[in-house]
Structures are given as structure tokens and as C-alpha cells.
Amino acid sequence: MSMGKPVIIDDGGSTRIRLVNAGRCEMGTIMRRRDDSNPDIGSGKKWYKQELSSSEPYGTVRIVCIDKWGHCKEDVIPQFTKVLISSALGQSILVKKITSKRIRLTLFGDSEPVVDAKQHDNKLRYVVTNSGPIEKIRVDGSFVYNVADRGRPIMTSPFPNTIVYTCVTIS
């Protein structure tokens, strides 16, 4: 099954965004701050936008969690229109499918996101330095992941606060 170029959003201390297996400078221009209104996130918020295209269609959301004992659990959602990833400290990333082969990443928060762009070997990734670990993930409006509930429904550890790493791949 062919998929769009994977975009990984994970929490290695701060929320990170990167395009996997990209060619040279495929993230295009630097994510730019916007001050105009955005109907997807509400008014009065500073936000950043990046659009990505792929020769193959986007359609899958894969969530992977690792707990403090090294147990790994993953869940795959085969279709999506919107994915909202919320991190600690009030920062969020909205991934919206524009067409089957084009997605828009919108970064916004309770306070203005502080975004560092890092480049290596002509590949670009973003680090949201004023965000914490991923806390909640909604796909098309429904919760699929909630750290406050020990990562349920995909991670069923009986102990609270055990998830140490979360990764979301959009492809």
C-alpha cells in the first residue's frame, strides 16, 4: 500500500516535527508565523503554518507509546481528515488533509509557540521549545490518546504517569 511521505511528530523533551525520507530541503520554506484569523483554531492566537505535498496519498495515523518499563504499544487509524496533537504547556499541532496528497500543519498554543528550525544534511526539522510532552491526540474530533488516562485506549498500563515517549506518524 502506498502512503504519503511520513511526517513524524514526537516528544523528545519538546514537541518535534520532521519529514522522514525527504529529499533535499523538502520541508520548503521555514514555518512562518501568522497573525490573521484561522477558522480551524479560533481567533486571537499566533500560529504557524507549513504545507506539504506527496506523490502518494496521505491517509494513515500511527501512534506509538513507550512506558517507563520499555513496553511499546501502537495503534493505527487508517483514515483521517484532521489530527489534533496537544502537548503540555498548551501547545498544539493540527494536521489537516487539504487534498489526498497535500496536508497542512498548523502550530498554535495558549501562548505563542517558540519554534526552532534545525537543519542537517539539507533536511529541516522543527522543535517547539516551549512545549512539553504530547498529552492528547484527537483524530477527526474523537480522542484516541490521553496521557491523563494512562494513554488509554492504546496503552493499558495499570499505573498512572508511566508513558515516557509518544510518537505520531502521519503518512
Foldseek 3Di string as FASTA:
>chain_A
DDAFFKWKWKFPFFTKIFTPPDDFQQQPDDWDWDQDADVVPGHDWIKTKGKHFGPAFWAKKKKWWAFQVGDIWMDMDRGFQWKWWAFPPFKIWIWGDPDRGMIMIMIIGPHRFDWDWDDDPNTIMITRNRTGGTAWMDGPRHTCFGLQCVGPPTDDDPDHPGTDMMMMMID
